[in-house]
Amino acid sequence: MTTFFNHFQNVYFLVILGMLLVGFALRNIPAIDVANDINKEWSSALRSIALVVILVHAGLGLDAQVNFHFISGIKQLASPFPPPPPPFNS
């Protein structure tokens, strides 16, 4: 059963990689003339919405109990100030 889920995760990764490559090709290859008529403001709004959906999906996949054990490290990473240096012992 574990092998089936491992293969499914690999397929999911390949699907995401394929979407990224197709999106890159549609945007950057001059011979492909797709979506040039889309308003820049609409394009920006849709990209922002897509980014929010991706980040929310990633956030929902986190395990809250595991994060609870690492809360001090998470607070230090989220802090704008670095943690104080350890005391000097001679």
C-alpha atoms as a PDB file:
ATOM      1  CA  MET A   1       0.000   0.000   0.000  1.00  0.00           C
ATOM      2  CA  THR A   2       2.885   2.368   0.774  1.00  0.00           C
ATOM      3  CA  THR A   3       4.334   1.822  -2.683  1.00  0.00           C
ATOM      4  CA  PHE A   4       1.077   2.957  -4.297  1.00  0.00           C
ATOM      5  CA  PHE A   5       1.122   6.258  -2.395  1.00  0.00           C
ATOM      6  CA  ASN A   6       4.807   6.819  -3.209  1.00  0.00           C
ATOM      7  CA  HIS A   7       4.029   6.464  -6.917  1.00  0.00           C
ATOM      8  CA  PHE A   8       1.074   8.824  -6.562  1.00  0.00           C
ATOM      9  CA  GLN A   9       3.302  11.497  -5.004  1.00  0.00           C
ATOM     10  CA  ASN A  10       5.761  11.139  -7.884  1.00  0.00           C
ATOM     11  CA  VAL A  11       2.961  11.551 -10.419  1.00  0.00           C
ATOM     12  CA  TYR A  12       1.645  14.612  -8.571  1.00  0.00           C
ATOM     13  CA  PHE A  13       5.117  16.163  -8.706  1.00  0.00           C
ATOM     14  CA  LEU A  14       5.354  15.470 -12.440  1.00  0.00           C
ATOM     15  CA  VAL A  15       1.963  17.115 -13.014  1.00  0.00           C
ATOM     16  CA  ILE A  16       3.087  20.266 -11.193  1.00  0.00           C
ATOM     17  CA  LEU A  17       6.394  20.275 -13.067  1.00  0.00           C
ATOM     18  CA  GLY A  18       4.544  19.915 -16.384  1.00  0.00           C
ATOM     19  CA  MET A  19       2.242  22.837 -15.542  1.00  0.00           C
ATOM     20  CA  LEU A  20       5.241  25.004 -14.707  1.00  0.00           C
ATOM     21  CA  LEU A  21       7.035  24.119 -17.932  1.00  0.00           C
ATOM     22  CA  VAL A  22       3.963  24.735 -20.100  1.00  0.00           C
ATOM     23  CA  GLY A  23       3.315  28.052 -18.369  1.00  0.00           C
ATOM     24  CA  PHE A  24       6.920  29.081 -18.914  1.00  0.00           C
ATOM     25  CA  ALA A  25       6.735  28.094 -22.584  1.00  0.00           C
ATOM     26  CA  LEU A  26       3.452  29.928 -23.191  1.00  0.00           C
ATOM     27  CA  ARG A  27       4.831  33.100 -21.653  1.00  0.00           C
ATOM     28  CA  ASN A  28       8.400  33.199 -22.979  1.00  0.00           C
ATOM     29  CA  ILE A  29       8.531  31.594 -26.432  1.00  0.00           C
ATOM     30  CA  PRO A  30       7.817  34.305 -29.020  1.00  0.00           C
ATOM     31  CA  ALA A  31       6.439  31.874 -31.630  1.00  0.00           C
ATOM     32  CA  ILE A  32       3.604  30.913 -29.271  1.00  0.00           C
ATOM     33  CA  ASP A  33       1.169  33.815 -29.352  1.00  0.00           C
ATOM     34  CA  VAL A  34      -1.277  32.966 -26.571  1.00  0.00           C
ATOM     35  CA  ALA A  35      -2.949  35.343 -24.131  1.00  0.00           C
ATOM     36  CA  ASN A  36      -1.389  38.561 -25.400  1.00  0.00           C
ATOM     37  CA  ASP A  37      -4.792  40.240 -25.336  1.00  0.00           C
ATOM     38  CA  ILE A  38      -5.276  39.786 -21.592  1.00  0.00           C
ATOM     39  CA  ASN A  39      -5.233  43.014 -19.614  1.00  0.00           C
ATOM     40  CA  LYS A  40      -2.103  43.332 -17.433  1.00  0.00           C
ATOM     41  CA  GLU A  41      -4.187  44.207 -14.352  1.00  0.00           C
ATOM     42  CA  TRP A  42      -6.330  41.084 -14.786  1.00  0.00           C
ATOM     43  CA  SER A  43      -3.220  38.977 -15.299  1.00  0.00           C
ATOM     44  CA  SER A  44      -1.640  40.384 -12.138  1.00  0.00           C
ATOM     45  CA  ALA A  45      -4.802  39.762 -10.108  1.00  0.00           C
ATOM     46  CA  LEU A  46      -5.099  36.176 -11.355  1.00  0.00           C
ATOM     47  CA  ARG A  47      -1.454  35.466 -10.545  1.00  0.00           C
ATOM     48  CA  SER A  48      -1.907  36.861  -7.043  1.00  0.00           C
ATOM     49  CA  ILE A  49      -4.991  34.704  -6.502  1.00  0.00           C
ATOM     50  CA  ALA A  50      -3.120  31.648  -7.762  1.00  0.00           C
ATOM     51  CA  LEU A  51      -0.252  32.361  -5.367  1.00  0.00           C
ATOM     52  CA  VAL A  52      -2.670  32.675  -2.441  1.00  0.00           C
ATOM     53  CA  VAL A  53      -4.345  29.383  -3.374  1.00  0.00           C
ATOM     54  CA  ILE A  54      -0.966  27.623  -3.558  1.00  0.00           C
ATOM     55  CA  LEU A  55       0.184  29.022  -0.201  1.00  0.00           C
ATOM     56  CA  VAL A  56      -3.112  28.173   1.522  1.00  0.00           C
ATOM     57  CA  HIS A  57      -2.959  24.643   0.103  1.00  0.00           C
ATOM     58  CA  ALA A  58       0.601  24.265   1.412  1.00  0.00           C
ATOM     59  CA  GLY A  59      -0.388  25.690   4.803  1.00  0.00           C
ATOM     60  CA  LEU A  60      -3.311  23.317   5.177  1.00  0.00           C
ATOM     61  CA  GLY A  61      -0.972  20.409   4.554  1.00  0.00           C
ATOM     62  CA  LEU A  62       1.123  21.225   7.627  1.00  0.00           C
ATOM     63  CA  ASP A  63       0.736  19.133  10.762  1.00  0.00           C
ATOM     64  CA  ALA A  64      -0.138  21.428  13.685  1.00  0.00           C
ATOM     65  CA  GLN A  65       1.121  19.043  16.382  1.00  0.00           C
ATOM     66  CA  VAL A  66       4.530  18.751  14.753  1.00  0.00           C
ATOM     67  CA  ASN A  67       4.762  22.538  14.430  1.00  0.00           C
ATOM     68  CA  PHE A  68       3.895  22.898  18.116  1.00  0.00           C
ATOM     69  CA  HIS A  69       7.149  21.124  19.032  1.00  0.00           C
ATOM     70  CA  PHE A  70       9.161  23.587  16.931  1.00  0.00           C
ATOM     71  CA  ILE A  71       7.319  26.753  18.027  1.00  0.00           C
ATOM     72  CA  SER A  72      10.425  28.473  19.463  1.00  0.00           C
ATOM     73  CA  GLY A  73      12.344  27.985  16.222  1.00  0.00           C
ATOM     74  CA  ILE A  74       9.395  29.195  14.188  1.00  0.00           C
ATOM     75  CA  LYS A  75       9.142  32.319  16.370  1.00  0.00           C
ATOM     76  CA  GLN A  76      12.846  33.029  15.906  1.00  0.00           C
ATOM     77  CA  LEU A  77      12.580  32.647  12.135  1.00  0.00           C
ATOM     78  CA  ALA A  78       9.534  34.913  12.015  1.00  0.00           C
ATOM     79  CA  SER A  79      11.152  37.561  14.245  1.00  0.00           C
ATOM     80  CA  PRO A  80      12.607  40.624  12.516  1.00  0.00           C
ATOM     81  CA  PHE A  81      15.399  40.683  15.104  1.00  0.00           C
ATOM     82  CA  PRO A  82      18.049  37.968  15.405  1.00  0.00           C
ATOM     83  CA  PRO A  83      18.217  35.997  18.662  1.00  0.00           C
ATOM     84  CA  PRO A  84      20.755  37.204  21.232  1.00  0.00           C
ATOM     85  CA  PRO A  85      24.172  35.572  21.106  1.00  0.00           C
ATOM     86  CA  PRO A  86      24.943  32.867  23.674  1.00  0.00           C
ATOM     87  CA  PRO A  87      26.873  33.976  26.778  1.00  0.00           C
ATOM     88  CA  PHE A  88      30.653  33.869  26.563  1.00  0.00           C
ATOM     89  CA  ASN A  89      32.186  31.212  28.789  1.00  0.00           C
ATOM     90  CA  SER A  90      35.927  31.363  29.314  1.00  0.00           C
END
